[in-house]
């Protein structure tokens, strides 16, 4: 069977709602094997006309902020509203051990039990920025499978990690009162690009502190981003506080993004960035496979290590040897 027919059959199974077909397709786009990359591209080409319809929401923040519990609560609320929910949970655990999926199923029990939810745990495989290889493509596959809300839970990241911005329409940063997210430390990073900032665990003994921190955070972000401050709220995944309001806010935001054309602009920019990243990976792979580079690299690396040559100059020398001198100044 030739590749186009195989891709069409895979696409048809995925579109028909076969969860196994979706899981296999995501494994395909996450694979680094050359033959799998070709199959993944053929499959995505078949499915592209059926993508783009979901609201892509990413939740990020430091470890211990309660992201998984919040995804579980938000997803459960979306189910009550009749939506189909896909969760892509990125974890630093080993892809071979399956630790990611097991841990997420434990933390998201309400979602794991529903037939209208697709829950996928993926290893970040050392990728920076909180996402995993293939996350953007996995989102497209979930959309093609008919899921209306795609939630991406990132690895616990610091404020400098912004790669997740490139895979979502709405970025939610989850914080905790008294957990290193002090207002005085807000300068750059995730809060600068967040659409929504949530202070989680606003319940029990920590309720008053969480509410106070949410007020401080709101004021600080209004100063940091006076033209477009993010929505700030205190929530509790445990008690459900603020979760219905959060789902309503997401629905209103999704409509606004589409009505104003901002969604199209944002996704076009993301595609441009995805092309740039893919081009960089492809060029590096070609350089690594080039016999001339194989000969020159050890010499250039030795000169860089000894301080004889600057890294930038060494890179330019290698590029000139492989591709010729640039005609531009």
C-alpha atoms as a PDB file:
ATOM      1  CA  UNK A   1       0.000   0.000   0.000  1.00  0.00           C
ATOM      2  CA  UNK A   2       1.469   3.352  -0.957  1.00  0.00           C
ATOM      3  CA  UNK A   3       1.927   6.202   1.551  1.00  0.00           C
ATOM      4  CA  UNK A   4      -0.920   8.458   0.303  1.00  0.00           C
ATOM      5  CA  UNK A   5      -3.490   5.659   0.668  1.00  0.00           C
ATOM      6  CA  UNK A   6      -2.150   4.776   4.124  1.00  0.00           C
ATOM      7  CA  UNK A   7      -2.389   8.426   5.157  1.00  0.00           C
ATOM      8  CA  UNK A   8      -5.971   8.672   3.876  1.00  0.00           C
ATOM      9  CA  UNK A   9      -6.991   5.570   5.804  1.00  0.00           C
ATOM     10  CA  UNK A  10      -5.345   6.826   8.995  1.00  0.00           C
ATOM     11  CA  UNK A  11      -7.069  10.166   8.566  1.00  0.00           C
ATOM     12  CA  UNK A  12     -10.469   8.547   8.047  1.00  0.00           C
ATOM     13  CA  UNK A  13     -10.104   6.440  11.198  1.00  0.00           C
ATOM     14  CA  UNK A  14      -9.071   9.463  13.232  1.00  0.00           C
ATOM     15  CA  UNK A  15     -11.944  11.558  11.862  1.00  0.00           C
ATOM     16  CA  UNK A  16     -14.344   8.706  12.705  1.00  0.00           C
ATOM     17  CA  UNK A  17     -13.437   9.053  16.365  1.00  0.00           C
ATOM     18  CA  UNK A  18     -11.110   6.081  16.831  1.00  0.00           C
ATOM     19  CA  UNK A  19      -9.122   6.985  19.940  1.00  0.00           C
ATOM     20  CA  UNK A  20      -6.440   4.440  19.098  1.00  0.00           C
ATOM     21  CA  UNK A  21      -5.968   6.083  15.705  1.00  0.00           C
ATOM     22  CA  UNK A  22      -5.494   9.471  17.406  1.00  0.00           C
ATOM     23  CA  UNK A  23      -3.006   8.035  19.901  1.00  0.00           C
ATOM     24  CA  UNK A  24      -1.045   6.357  17.110  1.00  0.00           C
ATOM     25  CA  UNK A  25      -1.049   9.563  15.072  1.00  0.00           C
ATOM     26  CA  UNK A  26       0.387  11.558  17.975  1.00  0.00           C
ATOM     27  CA  UNK A  27       3.098   8.934  18.457  1.00  0.00           C
ATOM     28  CA  UNK A  28       3.890   9.356  14.767  1.00  0.00           C
ATOM     29  CA  UNK A  29       4.326  13.149  14.965  1.00  0.00           C
ATOM     30  CA  UNK A  30       6.442  12.807  18.114  1.00  0.00           C
ATOM     31  CA  UNK A  31       8.803  10.291  16.501  1.00  0.00           C
ATOM     32  CA  UNK A  32      12.254  11.358  15.304  1.00  0.00           C
ATOM     33  CA  UNK A  33      12.560   8.556  12.726  1.00  0.00           C
ATOM     34  CA  UNK A  34      12.857   9.798   9.150  1.00  0.00           C
ATOM     35  CA  UNK A  35      10.229   7.377   7.819  1.00  0.00           C
ATOM     36  CA  UNK A  36       7.822   8.373  10.569  1.00  0.00           C
ATOM     37  CA  UNK A  37       8.323  12.060   9.790  1.00  0.00           C
ATOM     38  CA  UNK A  38       7.275  11.410   6.200  1.00  0.00           C
ATOM     39  CA  UNK A  39       4.193   9.480   7.295  1.00  0.00           C
ATOM     40  CA  UNK A  40       3.303  12.200   9.807  1.00  0.00           C
ATOM     41  CA  UNK A  41       3.532  14.919   7.171  1.00  0.00           C
ATOM     42  CA  UNK A  42       1.336  12.921   4.789  1.00  0.00           C
ATOM     43  CA  UNK A  43      -1.254  12.387   7.526  1.00  0.00           C
ATOM     44  CA  UNK A  44      -1.273  16.040   8.595  1.00  0.00           C
ATOM     45  CA  UNK A  45      -1.713  17.107   4.980  1.00  0.00           C
ATOM     46  CA  UNK A  46      -4.840  14.943   4.789  1.00  0.00           C
ATOM     47  CA  UNK A  47      -6.197  16.416   8.019  1.00  0.00           C
ATOM     48  CA  UNK A  48      -5.337  20.118   7.653  1.00  0.00           C
ATOM     49  CA  UNK A  49      -8.773  21.045   6.230  1.00  0.00           C
ATOM     50  CA  UNK A  50     -10.349  19.762   9.452  1.00  0.00           C
ATOM     51  CA  UNK A  51      -8.077  21.647  11.860  1.00  0.00           C
ATOM     52  CA  UNK A  52      -8.308  25.069  13.461  1.00  0.00           C
ATOM     53  CA  UNK A  53     -11.723  24.760  15.083  1.00  0.00           C
ATOM     54  CA  UNK A  54     -10.711  24.252  18.716  1.00  0.00           C
ATOM     55  CA  UNK A  55      -9.785  26.760  21.368  1.00  0.00           C
ATOM     56  CA  UNK A  56      -6.152  25.981  22.190  1.00  0.00           C
ATOM     57  CA  UNK A  57      -5.477  26.744  25.847  1.00  0.00           C
ATOM     58  CA  UNK A  58      -2.132  26.221  27.577  1.00  0.00           C
ATOM     59  CA  UNK A  59      -1.638  26.175  31.325  1.00  0.00           C
ATOM     60  CA  UNK A  60       1.854  26.781  32.640  1.00  0.00           C
ATOM     61  CA  UNK A  61       3.585  27.849  35.804  1.00  0.00           C
ATOM     62  CA  UNK A  62       6.024  26.610  38.445  1.00  0.00           C
ATOM     63  CA  UNK A  63       5.990  23.060  39.847  1.00  0.00           C
ATOM     64  CA  UNK A  64       3.493  22.610  42.646  1.00  0.00           C
ATOM     65  CA  UNK A  65       1.091  25.288  41.443  1.00  0.00           C
ATOM     66  CA  UNK A  66      -1.636  22.684  40.904  1.00  0.00           C
ATOM     67  CA  UNK A  67      -1.785  22.771  37.105  1.00  0.00           C
ATOM     68  CA  UNK A  68      -2.985  19.171  36.743  1.00  0.00           C
ATOM     69  CA  UNK A  69      -5.738  19.598  39.312  1.00  0.00           C
ATOM     70  CA  UNK A  70      -6.803  22.807  37.622  1.00  0.00           C
ATOM     71  CA  UNK A  71      -6.905  21.095  34.210  1.00  0.00           C
ATOM     72  CA  UNK A  72      -9.060  18.365  35.756  1.00  0.00           C
ATOM     73  CA  UNK A  73     -11.480  20.907  37.260  1.00  0.00           C
ATOM     74  CA  UNK A  74     -11.651  23.047  34.106  1.00  0.00           C
ATOM     75  CA  UNK A  75     -12.063  20.021  31.855  1.00  0.00           C
ATOM     76  CA  UNK A  76     -14.843  18.650  34.064  1.00  0.00           C
ATOM     77  CA  UNK A  77     -16.634  21.998  33.822  1.00  0.00           C
ATOM     78  CA  UNK A  78     -16.284  21.924  30.042  1.00  0.00           C
ATOM     79  CA  UNK A  79     -17.813  18.445  29.985  1.00  0.00           C
ATOM     80  CA  UNK A  80     -20.826  19.770  31.880  1.00  0.00           C
ATOM     81  CA  UNK A  81     -21.162  22.375  29.126  1.00  0.00           C
ATOM     82  CA  UNK A  82     -21.253  19.606  26.517  1.00  0.00           C
ATOM     83  CA  UNK A  83     -17.784  20.075  25.098  1.00  0.00           C
ATOM     84  CA  UNK A  84     -15.323  17.403  24.018  1.00  0.00           C
ATOM     85  CA  UNK A  85     -11.966  17.934  25.702  1.00  0.00           C
ATOM     86  CA  UNK A  86      -8.454  16.863  24.739  1.00  0.00           C
ATOM     87  CA  UNK A  87      -5.632  17.157  27.268  1.00  0.00           C
ATOM     88  CA  UNK A  88      -1.996  17.086  26.217  1.00  0.00           C
ATOM     89  CA  UNK A  89       0.021  16.839  29.416  1.00  0.00           C
ATOM     90  CA  UNK A  90       3.758  17.390  29.025  1.00  0.00           C
ATOM     91  CA  UNK A  91       5.937  15.717  31.612  1.00  0.00           C
ATOM     92  CA  UNK A  92       9.693  15.311  32.129  1.00  0.00           C
ATOM     93  CA  UNK A  93       9.157  11.592  32.845  1.00  0.00           C
ATOM     94  CA  UNK A  94      10.532   8.917  30.573  1.00  0.00           C
ATOM     95  CA  UNK A  95       8.569   8.217  27.402  1.00  0.00           C
ATOM     96  CA  UNK A  96       9.576   4.550  27.679  1.00  0.00           C
ATOM     97  CA  UNK A  97       8.269   4.060  31.218  1.00  0.00           C
ATOM     98  CA  UNK A  98       4.881   5.614  30.567  1.00  0.00           C
ATOM     99  CA  UNK A  99       5.256   7.564  33.809  1.00  0.00           C
ATOM    100  CA  UNK A 100       3.733  10.692  32.299  1.00  0.00           C
ATOM    101  CA  UNK A 101       0.426   9.098  31.360  1.00  0.00           C
ATOM    102  CA  UNK A 102       0.068   7.205  34.643  1.00  0.00           C
ATOM    103  CA  UNK A 103       0.739  10.292  36.736  1.00  0.00           C
ATOM    104  CA  UNK A 104      -1.692  12.438  34.760  1.00  0.00           C
ATOM    105  CA  UNK A 105      -4.435   9.809  34.961  1.00  0.00           C
ATOM    106  CA  UNK A 106      -4.067   9.800  38.757  1.00  0.00           C
ATOM    107  CA  UNK A 107      -4.182  13.603  39.014  1.00  0.00           C
ATOM    108  CA  UNK A 108      -7.061  13.989  36.510  1.00  0.00           C
ATOM    109  CA  UNK A 109      -9.448  11.309  37.647  1.00  0.00           C
ATOM    110  CA  UNK A 110     -12.640  13.068  36.504  1.00  0.00           C
ATOM    111  CA  UNK A 111     -11.304  13.471  32.986  1.00  0.00           C
ATOM    112  CA  UNK A 112      -9.692  10.042  32.768  1.00  0.00           C
ATOM    113  CA  UNK A 113     -13.080   8.431  33.437  1.00  0.00           C
ATOM    114  CA  UNK A 114     -14.934  10.233  30.618  1.00  0.00           C
ATOM    115  CA  UNK A 115     -15.436   8.907  27.097  1.00  0.00           C
ATOM    116  CA  UNK A 116     -15.608  12.491  25.813  1.00  0.00           C
ATOM    117  CA  UNK A 117     -12.043  13.199  26.931  1.00  0.00           C
ATOM    118  CA  UNK A 118      -8.764  12.278  25.266  1.00  0.00           C
ATOM    119  CA  UNK A 119      -5.883  12.349  27.735  1.00  0.00           C
ATOM    120  CA  UNK A 120      -2.350  12.084  26.434  1.00  0.00           C
ATOM    121  CA  UNK A 121       0.847  12.259  28.456  1.00  0.00           C
ATOM    122  CA  UNK A 122       4.067  13.017  26.583  1.00  0.00           C
ATOM    123  CA  UNK A 123       7.693  13.308  27.608  1.00  0.00           C
ATOM    124  CA  UNK A 124       9.311  16.656  26.896  1.00  0.00           C
ATOM    125  CA  UNK A 125      12.454  14.734  25.838  1.00  0.00           C
ATOM    126  CA  UNK A 126      14.641  17.561  27.090  1.00  0.00           C
ATOM    127  CA  UNK A 127      12.820  20.219  25.078  1.00  0.00           C
ATOM    128  CA  UNK A 128      12.908  23.654  26.719  1.00  0.00           C
ATOM    129  CA  UNK A 129       9.913  25.931  27.112  1.00  0.00           C
ATOM    130  CA  UNK A 130       7.548  23.463  28.757  1.00  0.00           C
ATOM    131  CA  UNK A 131       6.369  21.746  25.577  1.00  0.00           C
ATOM    132  CA  UNK A 132       7.365  18.503  23.845  1.00  0.00           C
ATOM    133  CA  UNK A 133       8.485  17.629  20.319  1.00  0.00           C
ATOM    134  CA  UNK A 134       5.343  17.399  18.226  1.00  0.00           C
ATOM    135  CA  UNK A 135       3.059  19.334  20.600  1.00  0.00           C
ATOM    136  CA  UNK A 136       1.886  21.741  17.886  1.00  0.00           C
ATOM    137  CA  UNK A 137       1.117  18.857  15.543  1.00  0.00           C
ATOM    138  CA  UNK A 138      -0.626  16.919  18.328  1.00  0.00           C
ATOM    139  CA  UNK A 139      -2.949  19.902  18.836  1.00  0.00           C
ATOM    140  CA  UNK A 140      -3.850  19.812  15.138  1.00  0.00           C
ATOM    141  CA  UNK A 141      -4.590  16.096  15.330  1.00  0.00           C
ATOM    142  CA  UNK A 142      -6.917  16.613  18.316  1.00  0.00           C
ATOM    143  CA  UNK A 143      -8.752  19.325  16.401  1.00  0.00           C
ATOM    144  CA  UNK A 144      -9.166  17.059  13.387  1.00  0.00           C
ATOM    145  CA  UNK A 145     -10.585  14.401  15.717  1.00  0.00           C
ATOM    146  CA  UNK A 146     -13.354  16.820  16.702  1.00  0.00           C
ATOM    147  CA  UNK A 147     -12.242  18.061  20.124  1.00  0.00           C
ATOM    148  CA  UNK A 148     -13.496  21.573  20.819  1.00  0.00           C
ATOM    149  CA  UNK A 149     -11.237  22.461  23.741  1.00  0.00           C
ATOM    150  CA  UNK A 150      -7.576  21.438  23.707  1.00  0.00           C
ATOM    151  CA  UNK A 151      -5.782  21.919  27.023  1.00  0.00           C
ATOM    152  CA  UNK A 152      -1.983  21.778  27.022  1.00  0.00           C
ATOM    153  CA  UNK A 153      -0.444  21.383  30.459  1.00  0.00           C
ATOM    154  CA  UNK A 154       3.240  22.210  30.359  1.00  0.00           C
ATOM    155  CA  UNK A 155       6.165  20.972  32.387  1.00  0.00           C
ATOM    156  CA  UNK A 156       6.624  23.180  35.456  1.00  0.00           C
ATOM    157  CA  UNK A 157       8.634  26.083  34.057  1.00  0.00           C
ATOM    158  CA  UNK A 158      10.149  29.353  35.158  1.00  0.00           C
ATOM    159  CA  UNK A 159       9.107  32.796  33.976  1.00  0.00           C
ATOM    160  CA  UNK A 160      11.699  32.826  31.178  1.00  0.00           C
ATOM    161  CA  UNK A 161      10.203  29.830  29.372  1.00  0.00           C
ATOM    162  CA  UNK A 162       7.881  31.146  26.659  1.00  0.00           C
ATOM    163  CA  UNK A 163       7.895  28.478  23.929  1.00  0.00           C
ATOM    164  CA  UNK A 164       4.404  27.403  25.008  1.00  0.00           C
ATOM    165  CA  UNK A 165       3.110  30.723  23.647  1.00  0.00           C
ATOM    166  CA  UNK A 166       3.659  29.311  20.159  1.00  0.00           C
ATOM    167  CA  UNK A 167       1.178  26.420  20.527  1.00  0.00           C
ATOM    168  CA  UNK A 168      -1.879  28.114  22.042  1.00  0.00           C
ATOM    169  CA  UNK A 169      -4.511  30.780  21.513  1.00  0.00           C
ATOM    170  CA  UNK A 170      -4.813  31.523  25.219  1.00  0.00           C
ATOM    171  CA  UNK A 171      -2.004  31.244  27.754  1.00  0.00           C
ATOM    172  CA  UNK A 172      -2.896  30.768  31.408  1.00  0.00           C
ATOM    173  CA  UNK A 173      -0.166  31.220  34.007  1.00  0.00           C
ATOM    174  CA  UNK A 174      -0.903  29.480  37.314  1.00  0.00           C
ATOM    175  CA  UNK A 175       0.744  30.861  40.434  1.00  0.00           C
ATOM    176  CA  UNK A 176       0.670  30.291  44.172  1.00  0.00           C
ATOM    177  CA  UNK A 177       0.741  32.823  46.968  1.00  0.00           C
ATOM    178  CA  UNK A 178       4.014  32.716  48.873  1.00  0.00           C
ATOM    179  CA  UNK A 179       5.677  30.278  46.471  1.00  0.00           C
ATOM    180  CA  UNK A 180       8.302  32.473  44.870  1.00  0.00           C
ATOM    181  CA  UNK A 181       5.926  34.478  42.655  1.00  0.00           C
ATOM    182  CA  UNK A 182       6.284  37.645  44.710  1.00  0.00           C
ATOM    183  CA  UNK A 183       5.066  40.784  42.980  1.00  0.00           C
ATOM    184  CA  UNK A 184       8.450  42.450  43.531  1.00  0.00           C
ATOM    185  CA  UNK A 185      10.063  39.898  41.226  1.00  0.00           C
ATOM    186  CA  UNK A 186       7.812  40.533  38.218  1.00  0.00           C
ATOM    187  CA  UNK A 187       9.865  41.951  35.343  1.00  0.00           C
ATOM    188  CA  UNK A 188       9.962  39.703  32.305  1.00  0.00           C
ATOM    189  CA  UNK A 189       8.821  36.249  31.336  1.00  0.00           C
ATOM    190  CA  UNK A 190       5.554  34.373  31.350  1.00  0.00           C
ATOM    191  CA  UNK A 191       3.521  37.111  33.021  1.00  0.00           C
ATOM    192  CA  UNK A 192       4.533  39.432  30.211  1.00  0.00           C
ATOM    193  CA  UNK A 193       2.835  37.230  27.622  1.00  0.00           C
ATOM    194  CA  UNK A 194       0.059  35.652  29.703  1.00  0.00           C
ATOM    195  CA  UNK A 195      -3.569  36.182  28.741  1.00  0.00           C
ATOM    196  CA  UNK A 196      -4.906  34.997  32.106  1.00  0.00           C
ATOM    197  CA  UNK A 197      -3.148  34.779  35.487  1.00  0.00           C
ATOM    198  CA  UNK A 198      -4.641  32.523  38.135  1.00  0.00           C
ATOM    199  CA  UNK A 199      -3.728  32.248  41.789  1.00  0.00           C
ATOM    200  CA  UNK A 200      -4.616  28.661  42.640  1.00  0.00           C
ATOM    201  CA  UNK A 201      -5.491  26.995  45.968  1.00  0.00           C
ATOM    202  CA  UNK A 202      -7.716  29.839  47.160  1.00  0.00           C
ATOM    203  CA  UNK A 203      -9.369  27.629  49.752  1.00  0.00           C
ATOM    204  CA  UNK A 204      -9.086  26.583  53.383  1.00  0.00           C
ATOM    205  CA  UNK A 205      -6.295  28.130  55.418  1.00  0.00           C
ATOM    206  CA  UNK A 206      -4.667  29.591  52.313  1.00  0.00           C
ATOM    207  CA  UNK A 207      -7.737  31.423  51.020  1.00  0.00           C
ATOM    208  CA  UNK A 208      -7.017  34.848  52.509  1.00  0.00           C
ATOM    209  CA  UNK A 209      -3.394  34.791  51.380  1.00  0.00           C
ATOM    210  CA  UNK A 210      -4.394  33.751  47.860  1.00  0.00           C
ATOM    211  CA  UNK A 211      -7.002  36.501  47.578  1.00  0.00           C
ATOM    212  CA  UNK A 212      -4.524  39.108  48.816  1.00  0.00           C
ATOM    213  CA  UNK A 213      -1.867  37.925  46.371  1.00  0.00           C
ATOM    214  CA  UNK A 214      -4.348  38.013  43.475  1.00  0.00           C
ATOM    215  CA  UNK A 215      -5.094  41.658  44.291  1.00  0.00           C
ATOM    216  CA  UNK A 216      -1.379  42.495  44.438  1.00  0.00           C
ATOM    217  CA  UNK A 217      -0.721  40.611  41.229  1.00  0.00           C
ATOM    218  CA  UNK A 218      -3.505  42.416  39.414  1.00  0.00           C
ATOM    219  CA  UNK A 219      -2.082  45.783  40.408  1.00  0.00           C
ATOM    220  CA  UNK A 220       1.458  44.827  39.440  1.00  0.00           C
ATOM    221  CA  UNK A 221       0.429  43.494  36.034  1.00  0.00           C
ATOM    222  CA  UNK A 222      -1.600  46.637  35.341  1.00  0.00           C
ATOM    223  CA  UNK A 223       1.641  48.577  35.770  1.00  0.00           C
ATOM    224  CA  UNK A 224       3.726  46.079  33.810  1.00  0.00           C
ATOM    225  CA  UNK A 225       1.256  45.900  30.922  1.00  0.00           C
ATOM    226  CA  UNK A 226      -0.934  49.024  31.058  1.00  0.00           C
ATOM    227  CA  UNK A 227      -2.282  48.546  27.512  1.00  0.00           C
ATOM    228  CA  UNK A 228      -3.213  44.877  27.806  1.00  0.00           C
ATOM    229  CA  UNK A 229      -3.188  43.590  31.386  1.00  0.00           C
ATOM    230  CA  UNK A 230      -4.140  39.911  31.723  1.00  0.00           C
ATOM    231  CA  UNK A 231      -7.258  38.833  33.551  1.00  0.00           C
ATOM    232  CA  UNK A 232      -6.320  37.937  37.136  1.00  0.00           C
ATOM    233  CA  UNK A 233      -8.406  35.735  39.437  1.00  0.00           C
ATOM    234  CA  UNK A 234      -8.100  33.565  42.535  1.00  0.00           C
ATOM    235  CA  UNK A 235      -9.368  30.020  41.988  1.00  0.00           C
ATOM    236  CA  UNK A 236      -9.470  26.658  43.680  1.00  0.00           C
ATOM    237  CA  UNK A 237      -9.295  23.409  41.773  1.00  0.00           C
ATOM    238  CA  UNK A 238     -10.192  21.648  45.042  1.00  0.00           C
ATOM    239  CA  UNK A 239     -13.411  23.527  45.861  1.00  0.00           C
ATOM    240  CA  UNK A 240     -14.288  24.628  42.328  1.00  0.00           C
ATOM    241  CA  UNK A 241     -14.086  28.294  43.217  1.00  0.00           C
ATOM    242  CA  UNK A 242     -13.879  30.422  40.054  1.00  0.00           C
ATOM    243  CA  UNK A 243     -13.886  27.445  37.668  1.00  0.00           C
ATOM    244  CA  UNK A 244     -17.312  28.099  36.024  1.00  0.00           C
ATOM    245  CA  UNK A 245     -16.314  31.739  35.613  1.00  0.00           C
ATOM    246  CA  UNK A 246     -13.015  30.661  34.043  1.00  0.00           C
ATOM    247  CA  UNK A 247     -14.804  28.507  31.460  1.00  0.00           C
ATOM    248  CA  UNK A 248     -17.141  31.400  30.622  1.00  0.00           C
ATOM    249  CA  UNK A 249     -14.148  33.709  30.273  1.00  0.00           C
ATOM    250  CA  UNK A 250     -12.470  31.282  27.879  1.00  0.00           C
ATOM    251  CA  UNK A 251     -15.630  31.013  25.774  1.00  0.00           C
ATOM    252  CA  UNK A 252     -15.932  34.799  25.564  1.00  0.00           C
ATOM    253  CA  UNK A 253     -12.252  35.134  24.720  1.00  0.00           C
ATOM    254  CA  UNK A 254     -12.457  32.503  21.959  1.00  0.00           C
ATOM    255  CA  UNK A 255     -15.356  34.392  20.362  1.00  0.00           C
ATOM    256  CA  UNK A 256     -13.572  37.717  20.637  1.00  0.00           C
ATOM    257  CA  UNK A 257     -10.385  36.344  19.069  1.00  0.00           C
ATOM    258  CA  UNK A 258     -12.330  35.079  16.069  1.00  0.00           C
ATOM    259  CA  UNK A 259     -14.581  38.122  15.689  1.00  0.00           C
ATOM    260  CA  UNK A 260     -11.683  40.607  15.756  1.00  0.00           C
ATOM    261  CA  UNK A 261      -9.408  38.597  13.480  1.00  0.00           C
ATOM    262  CA  UNK A 262      -6.775  38.354  16.208  1.00  0.00           C
ATOM    263  CA  UNK A 263      -6.965  34.560  16.149  1.00  0.00           C
ATOM    264  CA  UNK A 264      -5.938  34.413  12.496  1.00  0.00           C
ATOM    265  CA  UNK A 265      -3.097  36.894  13.031  1.00  0.00           C
ATOM    266  CA  UNK A 266      -1.816  35.024  16.054  1.00  0.00           C
ATOM    267  CA  UNK A 267      -1.890  31.646  14.331  1.00  0.00           C
ATOM    268  CA  UNK A 268      -0.161  33.040  11.238  1.00  0.00           C
ATOM    269  CA  UNK A 269       2.650  34.293  13.448  1.00  0.00           C
ATOM    270  CA  UNK A 270       2.864  30.903  15.133  1.00  0.00           C
ATOM    271  CA  UNK A 271       3.131  29.192  11.743  1.00  0.00           C
ATOM    272  CA  UNK A 272       5.942  31.571  10.791  1.00  0.00           C
ATOM    273  CA  UNK A 273       7.767  30.675  14.000  1.00  0.00           C
ATOM    274  CA  UNK A 274       7.135  26.959  13.434  1.00  0.00           C
ATOM    275  CA  UNK A 275       8.644  27.239   9.952  1.00  0.00           C
ATOM    276  CA  UNK A 276      11.694  29.033  11.329  1.00  0.00           C
ATOM    277  CA  UNK A 277      12.206  26.344  13.981  1.00  0.00           C
ATOM    278  CA  UNK A 278      11.739  23.516  11.466  1.00  0.00           C
ATOM    279  CA  UNK A 279      14.170  25.178   9.057  1.00  0.00           C
ATOM    280  CA  UNK A 280      16.795  25.494  11.796  1.00  0.00           C
ATOM    281  CA  UNK A 281      16.452  21.812  12.694  1.00  0.00           C
ATOM    282  CA  UNK A 282      16.633  20.741   9.055  1.00  0.00           C
ATOM    283  CA  UNK A 283      19.703  22.856   8.335  1.00  0.00           C
ATOM    284  CA  UNK A 284      21.494  21.568  11.439  1.00  0.00           C
ATOM    285  CA  UNK A 285      20.697  17.996  10.417  1.00  0.00           C
ATOM    286  CA  UNK A 286      22.037  18.625   6.911  1.00  0.00           C
ATOM    287  CA  UNK A 287      25.189  20.223   8.298  1.00  0.00           C
ATOM    288  CA  UNK A 288      25.773  17.282  10.631  1.00  0.00           C
ATOM    289  CA  UNK A 289      25.456  14.849   7.707  1.00  0.00           C
ATOM    290  CA  UNK A 290      27.778  16.795   5.376  1.00  0.00           C
ATOM    291  CA  UNK A 291      31.240  15.241   4.913  1.00  0.00           C
ATOM    292  CA  UNK A 292      32.859  18.673   4.694  1.00  0.00           C
ATOM    293  CA  UNK A 293      31.372  19.598   8.073  1.00  0.00           C
ATOM    294  CA  UNK A 294      32.550  16.271   9.477  1.00  0.00           C
ATOM    295  CA  UNK A 295      36.094  17.238   8.470  1.00  0.00           C
ATOM    296  CA  UNK A 296      35.979  20.884   9.560  1.00  0.00           C
ATOM    297  CA  UNK A 297      34.052  20.617  12.835  1.00  0.00           C
ATOM    298  CA  UNK A 298      36.801  19.078  15.011  1.00  0.00           C
ATOM    299  CA  UNK A 299      39.281  21.762  13.931  1.00  0.00           C
ATOM    300  CA  UNK A 300      36.840  24.611  14.482  1.00  0.00           C
ATOM    301  CA  UNK A 301      35.691  23.239  17.837  1.00  0.00           C
ATOM    302  CA  UNK A 302      39.326  22.985  18.979  1.00  0.00           C
ATOM    303  CA  UNK A 303      39.935  26.616  18.011  1.00  0.00           C
ATOM    304  CA  UNK A 304      36.818  27.707  19.886  1.00  0.00           C
ATOM    305  CA  UNK A 305      37.800  25.760  23.014  1.00  0.00           C
ATOM    306  CA  UNK A 306      41.314  27.244  22.991  1.00  0.00           C
ATOM    307  CA  UNK A 307      40.008  30.775  22.571  1.00  0.00           C
ATOM    308  CA  UNK A 308      41.663  31.163  19.187  1.00  0.00           C
ATOM    309  CA  UNK A 309      38.333  31.671  17.437  1.00  0.00           C
ATOM    310  CA  UNK A 310      35.054  33.196  18.554  1.00  0.00           C
ATOM    311  CA  UNK A 311      32.013  30.859  18.384  1.00  0.00           C
ATOM    312  CA  UNK A 312      30.259  33.255  16.002  1.00  0.00           C
ATOM    313  CA  UNK A 313      33.300  33.430  13.732  1.00  0.00           C
ATOM    314  CA  UNK A 314      33.644  29.632  13.739  1.00  0.00           C
ATOM    315  CA  UNK A 315      29.989  29.215  12.788  1.00  0.00           C
ATOM    316  CA  UNK A 316      30.355  31.753   9.986  1.00  0.00           C
ATOM    317  CA  UNK A 317      33.486  30.006   8.701  1.00  0.00           C
ATOM    318  CA  UNK A 318      31.707  26.659   8.610  1.00  0.00           C
ATOM    319  CA  UNK A 319      28.671  28.157   6.862  1.00  0.00           C
ATOM    320  CA  UNK A 320      30.929  29.807   4.281  1.00  0.00           C
ATOM    321  CA  UNK A 321      32.699  26.509   3.624  1.00  0.00           C
ATOM    322  CA  UNK A 322      29.401  24.705   3.114  1.00  0.00           C
ATOM    323  CA  UNK A 323      27.268  27.320   1.382  1.00  0.00           C
ATOM    324  CA  UNK A 324      29.734  29.898   0.087  1.00  0.00           C
ATOM    325  CA  UNK A 325      30.267  33.465   1.214  1.00  0.00           C
ATOM    326  CA  UNK A 326      27.214  35.658   1.729  1.00  0.00           C
ATOM    327  CA  UNK A 327      26.619  38.237  -0.958  1.00  0.00           C
ATOM    328  CA  UNK A 328      25.150  40.607   1.613  1.00  0.00           C
ATOM    329  CA  UNK A 329      27.162  42.739   3.995  1.00  0.00           C
END
